[in-house]
């Protein structure tokens, strides 16, 4: 079955609720009058709500509408570019050093535009303290809130507790930021190298100048001659 809307003379009803090209409500008119208005304005009559009573039709440039809709769909697909899901596992009794290390990895994944599944693994009697796992996951979510949000709230899954963090920036935005940051670092290194070369040249010039002092009268005296 075609999903294309009915347009122009394919609209087989006696009257329509007509919407103008700028969204203005024209009212209920005979379909012949609506088709005449469309022809006078070099537009199409497009049935946008066939189940309404009477059906709703709009005056528009249908070719332009289809082109723009296809363009938006292509842009949406491009912006969805391959978001992958990374995984980070934590122990309930993690020490601060390990926590900071793993948090750094989570931030790096989120900044790259990837999702991160956080898994807390319970051992033995730790399973009787799920609130400790919830506290740890909330702490991590708060610590990385600048870069990600809780996409899937913490939940128990057997011996594990899971939470999914989503990136605040899309993959394409994250890549653009990474490229800009890379260009900035390259520019800084180039500037620093130029400054180092200039300072080195200045030092060499100063050293050369010091060794080429002018010869004075005393420099021409024979040291073996008594005055």
N, C-alpha and C. Protein backbone atom coordinates (compact mmCIF):
# COMPACT_ATOMS: atom_id res chain seq x y z
N UNK A 1 0.84 -1.19 0.00
CA UNK A 1 0.00 0.00 0.00
C UNK A 1 0.88 1.25 0.00
N UNK A 2 0.54 2.22 -0.85
CA UNK A 2 1.33 3.43 -0.96
C UNK A 2 1.13 4.31 0.27
N UNK A 3 2.24 4.89 0.72
CA UNK A 3 2.17 5.82 1.85
C UNK A 3 2.15 7.27 1.38
N UNK A 4 2.20 7.48 0.06
CA UNK A 4 2.17 8.82 -0.50
C UNK A 4 0.78 9.42 -0.28
N UNK A 5 0.72 10.70 0.09
CA UNK A 5 -0.60 11.33 0.24
C UNK A 5 -1.24 11.55 -1.13
N UNK A 6 -2.56 11.66 -1.13
CA UNK A 6 -3.25 11.96 -2.38
C UNK A 6 -3.10 13.46 -2.67
N UNK A 7 -2.85 13.77 -3.94
CA UNK A 7 -2.67 15.18 -4.31
C UNK A 7 -3.55 15.49 -5.52
N UNK A 8 -3.93 16.77 -5.60
CA UNK A 8 -4.67 17.32 -6.73
C UNK A 8 -5.90 16.49 -7.10
N UNK A 9 -6.01 16.06 -8.37
CA UNK A 9 -7.25 15.40 -8.80
C UNK A 9 -7.38 13.97 -8.29
N UNK A 10 -6.39 13.48 -7.53
CA UNK A 10 -6.53 12.16 -6.91
C UNK A 10 -7.32 12.24 -5.60
N UNK A 11 -7.62 13.44 -5.16
CA UNK A 11 -8.43 13.62 -3.94
C UNK A 11 -9.89 13.44 -4.33
N UNK A 12 -10.48 12.32 -3.90
CA UNK A 12 -11.83 11.95 -4.34
C UNK A 12 -12.88 12.23 -3.26
N UNK A 13 -12.99 13.47 -2.84
CA UNK A 13 -14.04 13.86 -1.89
C UNK A 13 -14.70 15.12 -2.42
N UNK A 14 -15.84 15.43 -1.85
CA UNK A 14 -16.58 16.60 -2.35
C UNK A 14 -16.07 17.90 -1.76
N UNK A 15 -15.57 17.86 -0.51
CA UNK A 15 -15.08 19.07 0.11
C UNK A 15 -13.94 18.75 1.07
N UNK A 16 -13.15 19.76 1.36
CA UNK A 16 -11.99 19.60 2.24
C UNK A 16 -11.92 20.79 3.20
N UNK A 17 -11.25 20.55 4.31
CA UNK A 17 -10.91 21.67 5.20
C UNK A 17 -9.57 22.19 4.72
N UNK A 18 -9.57 23.36 4.15
CA UNK A 18 -8.40 23.85 3.43
C UNK A 18 -7.48 24.67 4.34
N UNK A 19 -6.17 24.37 4.21
CA UNK A 19 -5.12 25.12 4.91
C UNK A 19 -4.26 25.80 3.86
N UNK A 20 -4.01 27.10 4.05
CA UNK A 20 -3.23 27.85 3.09
C UNK A 20 -1.75 27.49 3.14
N UNK A 21 -0.96 28.01 2.20
CA UNK A 21 0.47 27.65 2.11
C UNK A 21 1.28 28.10 3.32
N UNK A 22 0.79 29.08 4.07
CA UNK A 22 1.51 29.55 5.26
C UNK A 22 0.89 29.06 6.55
N UNK A 23 0.01 28.06 6.44
CA UNK A 23 -0.61 27.48 7.62
C UNK A 23 -1.90 28.15 8.04
N UNK A 24 -2.35 29.13 7.28
CA UNK A 24 -3.60 29.81 7.65
C UNK A 24 -4.80 28.93 7.34
N UNK A 25 -5.81 29.02 8.19
CA UNK A 25 -7.02 28.23 8.03
C UNK A 25 -7.97 28.94 7.07
N UNK A 26 -8.25 28.32 5.93
CA UNK A 26 -9.17 28.90 4.95
C UNK A 26 -10.60 28.50 5.27
N UNK A 27 -10.79 27.27 5.74
CA UNK A 27 -12.12 26.78 6.06
C UNK A 27 -12.52 25.62 5.17
N UNK A 28 -13.77 25.21 5.28
CA UNK A 28 -14.28 24.09 4.49
C UNK A 28 -14.73 24.63 3.13
N UNK A 29 -14.13 24.06 2.08
CA UNK A 29 -14.46 24.50 0.72
C UNK A 29 -14.67 23.28 -0.17
N UNK A 30 -15.35 23.50 -1.29
CA UNK A 30 -15.50 22.42 -2.24
C UNK A 30 -14.14 22.08 -2.84
N UNK A 31 -13.93 20.82 -3.13
CA UNK A 31 -12.63 20.40 -3.64
C UNK A 31 -12.31 21.07 -4.97
N UNK A 32 -13.36 21.38 -5.78
CA UNK A 32 -13.12 22.07 -7.05
C UNK A 32 -12.54 23.46 -6.80
N UNK A 33 -13.07 24.14 -5.76
CA UNK A 33 -12.56 25.47 -5.45
C UNK A 33 -11.12 25.40 -4.92
N UNK A 34 -10.86 24.39 -4.13
CA UNK A 34 -9.51 24.22 -3.60
C UNK A 34 -8.51 23.95 -4.73
N UNK A 35 -8.91 23.13 -5.69
CA UNK A 35 -8.04 22.85 -6.84
C UNK A 35 -7.82 24.11 -7.68
N UNK A 36 -8.85 24.93 -7.80
CA UNK A 36 -8.70 26.18 -8.56
C UNK A 36 -7.71 27.11 -7.87
N UNK A 37 -7.81 27.21 -6.52
CA UNK A 37 -6.87 28.05 -5.78
C UNK A 37 -5.43 27.55 -5.94
N UNK A 38 -5.28 26.22 -5.92
CA UNK A 38 -3.95 25.64 -6.09
C UNK A 38 -3.38 25.99 -7.45
N UNK A 39 -4.20 25.87 -8.50
CA UNK A 39 -3.72 26.18 -9.86
C UNK A 39 -3.39 27.66 -10.00
N UNK A 40 -4.21 28.53 -9.41
CA UNK A 40 -3.97 29.96 -9.52
C UNK A 40 -2.66 30.37 -8.84
N UNK A 41 -2.26 29.65 -7.80
CA UNK A 41 -1.05 29.98 -7.07
C UNK A 41 0.14 29.09 -7.44
N UNK A 42 -0.06 28.29 -8.52
CA UNK A 42 0.99 27.38 -8.99
C UNK A 42 1.46 26.46 -7.86
N UNK A 43 0.49 25.91 -7.12
CA UNK A 43 0.77 25.01 -6.01
C UNK A 43 -0.01 23.71 -6.20
N UNK A 44 0.21 22.79 -5.30
CA UNK A 44 -0.51 21.52 -5.30
C UNK A 44 -1.48 21.50 -4.13
N UNK A 45 -2.54 20.75 -4.30
CA UNK A 45 -3.47 20.49 -3.20
C UNK A 45 -3.13 19.12 -2.65
N UNK A 46 -2.68 19.08 -1.39
CA UNK A 46 -2.19 17.83 -0.79
C UNK A 46 -3.06 17.46 0.40
N UNK A 47 -3.56 16.24 0.39
CA UNK A 47 -4.40 15.73 1.49
C UNK A 47 -3.48 15.33 2.64
N UNK A 48 -3.51 16.08 3.75
CA UNK A 48 -2.59 15.85 4.86
C UNK A 48 -3.25 15.09 6.02
N UNK A 49 -4.57 15.07 6.08
CA UNK A 49 -5.27 14.33 7.14
C UNK A 49 -6.51 13.67 6.53
N UNK A 50 -6.30 12.52 5.85
CA UNK A 50 -7.42 11.90 5.12
C UNK A 50 -8.51 11.35 6.03
N UNK A 51 -8.21 11.06 7.30
CA UNK A 51 -9.20 10.45 8.19
C UNK A 51 -10.10 11.48 8.86
N UNK A 52 -9.75 12.77 8.73
CA UNK A 52 -10.59 13.81 9.33
C UNK A 52 -11.89 13.93 8.53
N UNK A 53 -12.87 14.54 9.17
CA UNK A 53 -14.17 14.74 8.52
C UNK A 53 -14.55 16.21 8.56
N UNK A 54 -14.45 16.92 7.41
CA UNK A 54 -13.93 16.45 6.13
C UNK A 54 -12.41 16.36 6.16
N UNK A 55 -11.80 15.69 5.17
CA UNK A 55 -10.34 15.59 5.13
C UNK A 55 -9.69 16.97 5.09
N UNK A 56 -8.48 17.03 5.66
CA UNK A 56 -7.73 18.28 5.65
C UNK A 56 -6.76 18.25 4.48
N UNK A 57 -6.77 19.32 3.70
CA UNK A 57 -5.86 19.44 2.56
C UNK A 57 -5.12 20.77 2.66
N UNK A 58 -3.89 20.78 2.18
CA UNK A 58 -3.07 21.98 2.27
C UNK A 58 -2.53 22.37 0.91
N UNK A 59 -2.44 23.66 0.69
CA UNK A 59 -1.82 24.17 -0.52
C UNK A 59 -0.31 24.24 -0.31
N UNK A 60 0.46 23.59 -1.19
CA UNK A 60 1.91 23.59 -1.05
C UNK A 60 2.58 23.21 -2.36
N UNK A 61 3.88 23.46 -2.42
CA UNK A 61 4.70 22.97 -3.53
C UNK A 61 5.14 21.57 -3.14
N UNK A 62 4.43 20.57 -3.66
CA UNK A 62 4.67 19.20 -3.18
C UNK A 62 6.05 18.69 -3.56
N UNK A 63 6.56 19.06 -4.73
CA UNK A 63 7.90 18.64 -5.13
C UNK A 63 8.95 19.18 -4.18
N UNK A 64 8.83 20.46 -3.82
CA UNK A 64 9.76 21.08 -2.88
C UNK A 64 9.63 20.45 -1.50
N UNK A 65 8.39 20.15 -1.10
CA UNK A 65 8.15 19.52 0.19
C UNK A 65 8.82 18.16 0.28
N UNK A 66 8.69 17.35 -0.78
CA UNK A 66 9.31 16.02 -0.78
C UNK A 66 10.84 16.13 -0.75
N UNK A 67 11.39 17.08 -1.51
CA UNK A 67 12.84 17.25 -1.52
C UNK A 67 13.37 17.62 -0.14
N UNK A 68 12.70 18.58 0.52
CA UNK A 68 13.14 19.01 1.85
C UNK A 68 12.99 17.90 2.87
N UNK A 69 11.92 17.11 2.74
CA UNK A 69 11.73 15.99 3.67
C UNK A 69 12.82 14.94 3.50
N UNK A 70 13.20 14.67 2.25
CA UNK A 70 14.26 13.70 1.99
C UNK A 70 15.59 14.22 2.51
N UNK A 71 15.83 15.53 2.36
CA UNK A 71 17.07 16.14 2.85
C UNK A 71 17.16 16.02 4.37
N UNK A 72 16.05 16.29 5.07
CA UNK A 72 16.03 16.16 6.53
C UNK A 72 16.30 14.73 6.96
N UNK A 73 15.74 13.77 6.22
CA UNK A 73 15.95 12.36 6.55
C UNK A 73 17.42 11.97 6.38
N UNK A 74 18.04 12.46 5.30
CA UNK A 74 19.46 12.18 5.08
C UNK A 74 20.31 12.80 6.19
N UNK A 75 19.98 14.03 6.56
CA UNK A 75 20.73 14.69 7.64
C UNK A 75 20.58 13.93 8.95
N UNK A 76 19.37 13.46 9.22
CA UNK A 76 19.13 12.72 10.46
C UNK A 76 19.94 11.43 10.48
N UNK A 77 19.98 10.73 9.34
CA UNK A 77 20.77 9.48 9.28
C UNK A 77 22.25 9.77 9.46
N UNK A 78 22.71 10.88 8.87
CA UNK A 78 24.12 11.23 8.99
C UNK A 78 24.47 11.59 10.43
N UNK A 79 23.57 12.26 11.13
CA UNK A 79 23.83 12.66 12.51
C UNK A 79 23.75 11.50 13.49
N UNK A 80 23.17 10.39 13.06
CA UNK A 80 23.06 9.23 13.92
C UNK A 80 24.29 8.33 13.85
N UNK A 81 25.31 8.80 13.14
CA UNK A 81 26.45 7.97 12.77
C UNK A 81 26.98 7.09 13.89
N UNK A 82 26.67 5.82 13.81
CA UNK A 82 27.28 4.71 14.55
C UNK A 82 27.68 5.04 15.99
N UNK A 83 26.69 5.25 16.83
CA UNK A 83 26.97 5.42 18.26
C UNK A 83 27.21 4.03 18.84
N UNK A 84 28.39 3.80 19.39
CA UNK A 84 28.70 2.51 19.98
C UNK A 84 28.52 2.59 21.49
N UNK A 85 28.41 1.42 22.11
CA UNK A 85 28.24 1.35 23.56
C UNK A 85 29.48 0.72 24.17
N UNK A 86 30.17 1.49 24.99
CA UNK A 86 31.32 0.99 25.74
C UNK A 86 30.83 0.42 27.06
N UNK A 87 31.70 -0.33 27.72
CA UNK A 87 31.32 -0.91 29.01
C UNK A 87 32.41 -0.64 30.04
N UNK A 88 31.98 -0.31 31.24
CA UNK A 88 32.90 -0.08 32.34
C UNK A 88 32.39 -0.84 33.56
N UNK A 89 33.25 -1.68 34.15
CA UNK A 89 32.87 -2.49 35.30
C UNK A 89 33.50 -1.93 36.57
N UNK A 90 32.69 -1.86 37.61
CA UNK A 90 33.15 -1.36 38.90
C UNK A 90 32.91 -2.40 39.98
N UNK A 91 33.74 -2.38 41.01
CA UNK A 91 33.50 -3.17 42.21
C UNK A 91 32.84 -2.28 43.24
N UNK A 92 32.04 -2.87 44.08
CA UNK A 92 31.33 -2.09 45.08
C UNK A 92 32.30 -1.38 46.01
N UNK A 93 33.39 -2.05 46.40
CA UNK A 93 34.36 -1.47 47.33
C UNK A 93 35.57 -0.95 46.56
N UNK A 94 35.32 -0.12 45.59
CA UNK A 94 36.39 0.43 44.76
C UNK A 94 37.10 1.55 45.53
N UNK A 95 38.44 1.60 45.44
CA UNK A 95 39.15 2.67 46.13
C UNK A 95 39.13 3.94 45.27
N UNK A 96 39.48 5.06 45.87
CA UNK A 96 39.37 6.35 45.19
C UNK A 96 40.24 6.43 43.94
N UNK A 97 41.44 5.85 44.01
CA UNK A 97 42.34 5.92 42.85
C UNK A 97 41.73 5.19 41.65
N UNK A 98 41.24 3.96 41.89
CA UNK A 98 40.63 3.20 40.79
C UNK A 98 39.37 3.89 40.29
N UNK A 99 38.61 4.47 41.23
CA UNK A 99 37.39 5.16 40.83
C UNK A 99 37.71 6.32 39.90
N UNK A 100 38.71 7.14 40.25
CA UNK A 100 39.07 8.28 39.42
C UNK A 100 39.58 7.83 38.05
N UNK A 101 40.31 6.71 38.03
CA UNK A 101 40.80 6.19 36.75
C UNK A 101 39.65 5.77 35.85
N UNK A 102 38.72 5.01 36.42
CA UNK A 102 37.58 4.53 35.63
C UNK A 102 36.66 5.67 35.24
N UNK A 103 36.51 6.64 36.12
CA UNK A 103 35.70 7.81 35.78
C UNK A 103 36.31 8.54 34.59
N UNK A 104 37.64 8.63 34.55
CA UNK A 104 38.32 9.27 33.42
C UNK A 104 38.03 8.55 32.11
N UNK A 105 38.00 7.22 32.16
CA UNK A 105 37.66 6.45 30.95
C UNK A 105 36.23 6.74 30.52
N UNK A 106 35.31 6.79 31.48
CA UNK A 106 33.91 7.06 31.16
C UNK A 106 33.77 8.43 30.50
N UNK A 107 34.45 9.44 31.06
CA UNK A 107 34.40 10.78 30.49
C UNK A 107 34.94 10.77 29.06
N UNK A 108 36.03 10.04 28.84
CA UNK A 108 36.63 9.97 27.49
C UNK A 108 35.65 9.35 26.50
N UNK A 109 34.95 8.29 26.92
CA UNK A 109 33.98 7.64 26.03
C UNK A 109 32.83 8.61 25.70
N UNK A 110 32.33 9.28 26.73
CA UNK A 110 31.20 10.18 26.53
C UNK A 110 31.59 11.36 25.64
N UNK A 111 32.79 11.89 25.85
CA UNK A 111 33.25 13.02 25.03
C UNK A 111 33.40 12.61 23.57
N UNK A 112 33.65 11.31 23.34
CA UNK A 112 33.77 10.82 21.96
C UNK A 112 32.40 10.54 21.34
N UNK A 113 31.32 10.76 22.12
CA UNK A 113 29.97 10.57 21.60
C UNK A 113 29.44 9.16 21.74
N UNK A 114 30.06 8.33 22.59
CA UNK A 114 29.62 6.95 22.78
C UNK A 114 28.80 6.80 24.06
N UNK A 115 27.93 5.82 24.07
CA UNK A 115 27.22 5.46 25.30
C UNK A 115 28.14 4.61 26.17
N UNK A 116 27.84 4.58 27.46
CA UNK A 116 28.65 3.77 28.37
C UNK A 116 27.72 2.98 29.29
N UNK A 117 27.87 1.66 29.27
CA UNK A 117 27.13 0.80 30.19
C UNK A 117 28.00 0.56 31.42
N UNK A 118 27.50 0.99 32.57
CA UNK A 118 28.22 0.82 33.83
C UNK A 118 27.68 -0.41 34.53
N UNK A 119 28.58 -1.32 34.90
CA UNK A 119 28.18 -2.55 35.58
C UNK A 119 28.88 -2.63 36.93
N UNK A 120 28.08 -2.76 37.98
CA UNK A 120 28.64 -3.01 39.31
C UNK A 120 28.45 -4.49 39.62
N UNK A 121 29.54 -5.17 39.95
CA UNK A 121 29.50 -6.60 40.23
C UNK A 121 29.52 -6.82 41.74
N UNK A 122 28.49 -7.50 42.25
CA UNK A 122 28.38 -7.77 43.67
C UNK A 122 29.01 -9.12 44.00
N UNK A 123 29.69 -9.17 45.14
CA UNK A 123 30.29 -10.42 45.60
C UNK A 123 29.69 -10.82 46.94
N UNK A 124 29.36 -12.10 47.05
CA UNK A 124 28.92 -12.66 48.34
C UNK A 124 27.85 -11.84 49.01
N UNK A 125 28.15 -11.39 50.23
CA UNK A 125 27.17 -10.65 51.03
C UNK A 125 26.87 -9.26 50.49
N UNK A 126 27.66 -8.80 49.54
CA UNK A 126 27.39 -7.48 48.96
C UNK A 126 26.02 -7.42 48.29
N UNK A 127 25.50 -8.58 47.90
CA UNK A 127 24.20 -8.61 47.24
C UNK A 127 23.08 -8.14 48.16
N UNK A 128 23.32 -8.17 49.45
CA UNK A 128 22.31 -7.71 50.41
C UNK A 128 22.36 -6.21 50.62
N UNK A 129 23.28 -5.52 49.92
CA UNK A 129 23.41 -4.06 50.06
C UNK A 129 23.27 -3.35 48.71
N UNK A 130 22.14 -3.56 48.03
CA UNK A 130 21.98 -2.92 46.71
C UNK A 130 22.00 -1.40 46.78
N UNK A 131 21.63 -0.84 47.96
CA UNK A 131 21.63 0.62 48.07
C UNK A 131 23.03 1.21 47.91
N UNK A 132 24.06 0.42 48.28
CA UNK A 132 25.43 0.90 48.10
C UNK A 132 25.78 1.00 46.61
N UNK A 133 25.27 0.04 45.85
CA UNK A 133 25.47 0.09 44.40
C UNK A 133 24.76 1.28 43.78
N UNK A 134 23.55 1.55 44.24
CA UNK A 134 22.80 2.71 43.74
C UNK A 134 23.56 4.00 44.04
N UNK A 135 24.10 4.09 45.26
CA UNK A 135 24.84 5.30 45.65
C UNK A 135 26.07 5.50 44.77
N UNK A 136 26.78 4.41 44.47
CA UNK A 136 27.97 4.51 43.64
C UNK A 136 27.63 4.95 42.22
N UNK A 137 26.55 4.40 41.68
CA UNK A 137 26.16 4.77 40.32
C UNK A 137 25.69 6.22 40.27
N UNK A 138 24.95 6.65 41.30
CA UNK A 138 24.51 8.05 41.33
C UNK A 138 25.71 8.99 41.44
N UNK A 139 26.69 8.59 42.25
CA UNK A 139 27.90 9.41 42.38
C UNK A 139 28.60 9.56 41.04
N UNK A 140 28.73 8.46 40.31
CA UNK A 140 29.39 8.51 39.01
C UNK A 140 28.59 9.37 38.04
N UNK A 141 27.26 9.21 38.03
CA UNK A 141 26.42 9.99 37.12
C UNK A 141 26.57 11.48 37.41
N UNK A 142 26.62 11.84 38.70
CA UNK A 142 26.79 13.25 39.07
C UNK A 142 28.16 13.78 38.64
N UNK A 143 29.19 12.93 38.79
CA UNK A 143 30.56 13.37 38.48
C UNK A 143 30.77 13.60 36.99
N UNK A 144 30.01 12.91 36.15
CA UNK A 144 30.21 13.05 34.69
C UNK A 144 29.03 13.77 34.04
N UNK A 145 28.22 14.46 34.84
CA UNK A 145 27.00 15.09 34.32
C UNK A 145 27.28 16.10 33.22
N UNK A 146 28.49 16.68 33.21
CA UNK A 146 28.83 17.65 32.18
C UNK A 146 28.91 16.99 30.80
N UNK A 147 29.21 15.71 30.77
CA UNK A 147 29.47 15.02 29.50
C UNK A 147 28.40 13.98 29.15
N UNK A 148 27.59 13.54 30.12
CA UNK A 148 26.61 12.50 29.85
C UNK A 148 25.43 12.57 30.78
N UNK A 149 24.38 11.86 30.41
CA UNK A 149 23.16 11.83 31.22
C UNK A 149 22.73 10.37 31.40
N UNK A 150 21.91 10.13 32.39
CA UNK A 150 21.44 8.77 32.67
C UNK A 150 20.37 8.41 31.66
N UNK A 151 20.73 7.55 30.72
CA UNK A 151 19.78 7.12 29.69
C UNK A 151 18.94 5.95 30.18
N UNK A 152 19.54 5.09 30.96
CA UNK A 152 18.83 3.94 31.54
C UNK A 152 19.15 3.91 33.03
N UNK A 153 18.14 4.10 33.87
CA UNK A 153 18.33 4.21 35.31
C UNK A 153 18.90 2.90 35.88
N UNK A 154 19.61 2.98 37.01
CA UNK A 154 20.19 1.77 37.62
C UNK A 154 19.13 0.71 37.89
N UNK A 155 19.48 -0.53 37.58
CA UNK A 155 18.56 -1.64 37.85
C UNK A 155 19.37 -2.89 38.16
N UNK A 156 18.78 -3.75 38.98
CA UNK A 156 19.44 -4.99 39.39
C UNK A 156 19.28 -6.04 38.30
N UNK A 157 20.37 -6.75 38.03
CA UNK A 157 20.34 -7.83 37.04
C UNK A 157 21.15 -8.99 37.60
N UNK A 158 20.50 -9.83 38.39
CA UNK A 158 21.21 -10.94 39.04
C UNK A 158 22.22 -10.44 40.04
N UNK A 159 23.48 -10.83 39.86
CA UNK A 159 24.55 -10.38 40.74
C UNK A 159 25.09 -9.01 40.36
N UNK A 160 24.58 -8.43 39.31
CA UNK A 160 25.08 -7.15 38.83
C UNK A 160 24.02 -6.06 38.94
N UNK A 161 24.47 -4.83 38.90
CA UNK A 161 23.59 -3.66 38.80
C UNK A 161 24.07 -2.84 37.60
N UNK A 162 23.13 -2.46 36.74
CA UNK A 162 23.48 -1.83 35.47
C UNK A 162 22.91 -0.41 35.37
N UNK A 163 23.63 0.43 34.68
CA UNK A 163 23.17 1.78 34.35
C UNK A 163 23.80 2.16 33.01
N UNK A 164 23.04 2.85 32.17
CA UNK A 164 23.57 3.29 30.87
C UNK A 164 23.61 4.81 30.84
N UNK A 165 24.76 5.34 30.49
CA UNK A 165 24.95 6.78 30.34
C UNK A 165 24.99 7.12 28.85
N UNK A 166 24.27 8.15 28.46
CA UNK A 166 24.30 8.63 27.08
C UNK A 166 25.10 9.91 26.98
N UNK A 167 25.76 10.15 25.85
CA UNK A 167 26.56 11.38 25.70
C UNK A 167 25.67 12.59 25.50
N UNK A 168 26.08 13.73 26.05
CA UNK A 168 25.31 14.96 25.87
C UNK A 168 25.47 15.50 24.46
N UNK A 169 26.57 15.13 23.78
CA UNK A 169 26.80 15.58 22.42
C UNK A 169 26.67 14.41 21.46
N UNK A 170 26.16 14.70 20.27
CA UNK A 170 26.06 13.68 19.24
C UNK A 170 27.45 13.31 18.73
N UNK A 171 27.50 12.16 18.09
CA UNK A 171 28.78 11.66 17.59
C UNK A 171 29.45 12.66 16.66
N UNK A 172 28.66 13.27 15.78
CA UNK A 172 29.23 14.22 14.82
C UNK A 172 29.76 15.45 15.54
N UNK A 173 29.03 15.92 16.56
CA UNK A 173 29.49 17.08 17.32
C UNK A 173 30.77 16.75 18.08
N UNK A 174 30.79 15.53 18.66
CA UNK A 174 31.99 15.13 19.40
C UNK A 174 33.20 15.06 18.48
N UNK A 175 33.01 14.53 17.27
CA UNK A 175 34.12 14.45 16.32
C UNK A 175 34.59 15.84 15.91
N UNK A 176 33.63 16.76 15.73
CA UNK A 176 34.01 18.13 15.36
C UNK A 176 34.81 18.78 16.49
N UNK A 177 34.39 18.55 17.74
CA UNK A 177 35.12 19.10 18.88
C UNK A 177 36.52 18.51 18.96
N UNK A 178 36.63 17.20 18.72
CA UNK A 178 37.94 16.55 18.77
C UNK A 178 38.86 17.11 17.68
N UNK A 179 38.29 17.33 16.48
CA UNK A 179 39.10 17.88 15.39
C UNK A 179 39.56 19.29 15.72
N UNK A 180 38.65 20.10 16.30
CA UNK A 180 39.02 21.47 16.68
C UNK A 180 40.09 21.47 17.76
N UNK A 181 39.96 20.53 18.71
CA UNK A 181 40.95 20.44 19.78
C UNK A 181 42.30 20.00 19.23
N UNK A 182 42.28 19.06 18.28
CA UNK A 182 43.52 18.60 17.65
C UNK A 182 44.20 19.74 16.89
N UNK A 183 43.40 20.52 16.14
CA UNK A 183 43.97 21.66 15.41
C UNK A 183 44.55 22.69 16.37
N UNK A 184 43.87 22.90 17.50
CA UNK A 184 44.37 23.87 18.47
C UNK A 184 45.71 23.42 19.05
N UNK A 185 45.81 22.12 19.37
CA UNK A 185 47.07 21.60 19.92
C UNK A 185 48.20 21.71 18.89
N UNK A 186 47.91 21.43 17.64
CA UNK A 186 48.93 21.53 16.58
C UNK A 186 49.40 22.98 16.46
N UNK A 187 48.43 23.92 16.48
CA UNK A 187 48.78 25.34 16.37
C UNK A 187 49.63 25.78 17.56
N UNK A 188 49.30 25.29 18.76
CA UNK A 188 50.07 25.65 19.95
C UNK A 188 51.50 25.11 19.86
N UNK A 189 51.63 23.84 19.43
CA UNK A 189 52.97 23.26 19.29
C UNK A 189 53.80 24.04 18.26
N UNK A 190 53.16 24.42 17.16
CA UNK A 190 53.86 25.18 16.13
C UNK A 190 54.31 26.53 16.66
N UNK A 191 53.42 27.20 17.41
CA UNK A 191 53.75 28.50 17.98
C UNK A 191 54.88 28.39 18.99
N UNK A 192 54.82 27.35 19.84
CA UNK A 192 55.87 27.15 20.85
C UNK A 192 57.21 26.86 20.19
N UNK A 193 57.18 26.07 19.11
CA UNK A 193 58.43 25.74 18.41
C UNK A 193 59.02 27.00 17.79
N UNK A 194 58.18 27.86 17.22
CA UNK A 194 58.67 29.10 16.62
C UNK A 194 59.26 30.02 17.69
N UNK A 195 58.62 30.08 18.85
CA UNK A 195 59.14 30.90 19.94
C UNK A 195 60.48 30.37 20.44
N UNK A 196 60.58 29.03 20.53
CA UNK A 196 61.84 28.42 20.97
C UNK A 196 62.96 28.72 19.98
N UNK A 197 62.66 28.64 18.68
CA UNK A 197 63.68 28.92 17.66
C UNK A 197 64.12 30.39 17.73
N UNK A 198 63.14 31.28 17.94
CA UNK A 198 63.47 32.71 18.02
C UNK A 198 64.34 32.99 19.24
N UNK A 199 64.03 32.38 20.39
CA UNK A 199 64.82 32.59 21.60
C UNK A 199 66.23 32.03 21.43
N UNK A 200 66.32 30.87 20.77
CA UNK A 200 67.62 30.26 20.54
C UNK A 200 68.48 31.12 19.62
N UNK A 201 67.86 31.67 18.58
CA UNK A 201 68.60 32.55 17.66
C UNK A 201 69.06 33.80 18.38
N UNK A 202 68.21 34.32 19.27
CA UNK A 202 68.59 35.52 20.02
C UNK A 202 69.77 35.25 20.94
N UNK A 203 69.78 34.06 21.57
CA UNK A 203 70.88 33.70 22.45
C UNK A 203 72.17 33.53 21.66
N UNK A 204 72.07 32.91 20.47
CA UNK A 204 73.27 32.75 19.64
C UNK A 204 73.82 34.10 19.20
N UNK A 205 72.91 35.00 18.85
CA UNK A 205 73.34 36.33 18.42
C UNK A 205 74.02 37.07 19.56
N UNK A 206 73.49 36.94 20.78
CA UNK A 206 74.08 37.62 21.93
C UNK A 206 75.46 37.05 22.23
N UNK A 207 75.60 35.71 22.12
CA UNK A 207 76.90 35.08 22.38
C UNK A 207 77.93 35.50 21.34
N UNK A 208 77.52 35.57 20.09
CA UNK A 208 78.43 35.99 19.02
C UNK A 208 78.87 37.43 19.22
N UNK A 209 77.94 38.27 19.64
CA UNK A 209 78.25 39.67 19.87
C UNK A 209 79.25 39.84 21.00
N UNK A 210 79.13 38.99 22.03
CA UNK A 210 80.04 39.09 23.18
C UNK A 210 81.46 38.70 22.80
N UNK A 211 81.63 37.75 21.87
CA UNK A 211 82.98 37.30 21.49
C UNK A 211 83.63 38.23 20.48
N UNK A 212 82.83 39.11 19.87
CA UNK A 212 83.37 40.03 18.85
C UNK A 212 83.48 41.45 19.41
N UNK A 213 84.00 41.57 20.62
CA UNK A 213 84.15 42.91 21.19
C UNK A 213 85.24 43.66 20.41
N UNK A 214 85.16 44.98 20.40
CA UNK A 214 86.12 45.80 19.64
C UNK A 214 87.51 45.73 20.28
N UNK A 215 88.52 45.70 19.44
CA UNK A 215 89.90 45.69 19.93
C UNK A 215 90.30 47.12 20.28
N UNK A 216 90.75 47.37 21.52
CA UNK A 216 91.18 48.69 21.97
C UNK A 216 92.70 48.81 21.90
N UNK A 217 93.25 49.97 22.30
CA UNK A 217 94.72 50.18 22.26
C UNK A 217 95.47 49.15 23.06
N UNK A 218 94.95 48.78 24.21
CA UNK A 218 95.66 47.81 25.06
C UNK A 218 95.80 46.48 24.39
N UNK A 219 94.89 46.15 23.47
CA UNK A 219 94.95 44.86 22.79
C UNK A 219 96.15 44.76 21.85
N UNK A 220 96.79 45.93 21.48
CA UNK A 220 97.89 45.92 20.54
C UNK A 220 99.25 45.94 21.23
N UNK A 221 99.31 46.03 22.55
CA UNK A 221 100.58 46.08 23.28
C UNK A 221 101.21 44.72 23.39
N UNK A 222 102.56 44.67 23.26
CA UNK A 222 103.29 43.42 23.42
C UNK A 222 103.46 43.17 24.90
N UNK A 223 102.99 42.07 25.41
CA UNK A 223 103.05 41.80 26.85
C UNK A 223 104.50 41.65 27.36
N UNK A 224 105.47 41.41 26.45
CA UNK A 224 106.86 41.22 26.88
C UNK A 224 107.62 42.52 26.96
N UNK A 225 107.01 43.63 26.57
CA UNK A 225 107.68 44.93 26.59
C UNK A 225 107.33 45.65 27.88
N UNK A 226 108.34 46.03 28.61
CA UNK A 226 108.10 46.80 29.84
C UNK A 226 107.86 48.25 29.48
N UNK A 227 106.89 48.80 30.06
CA UNK A 227 106.58 50.23 29.82
C UNK A 227 107.24 51.06 30.91
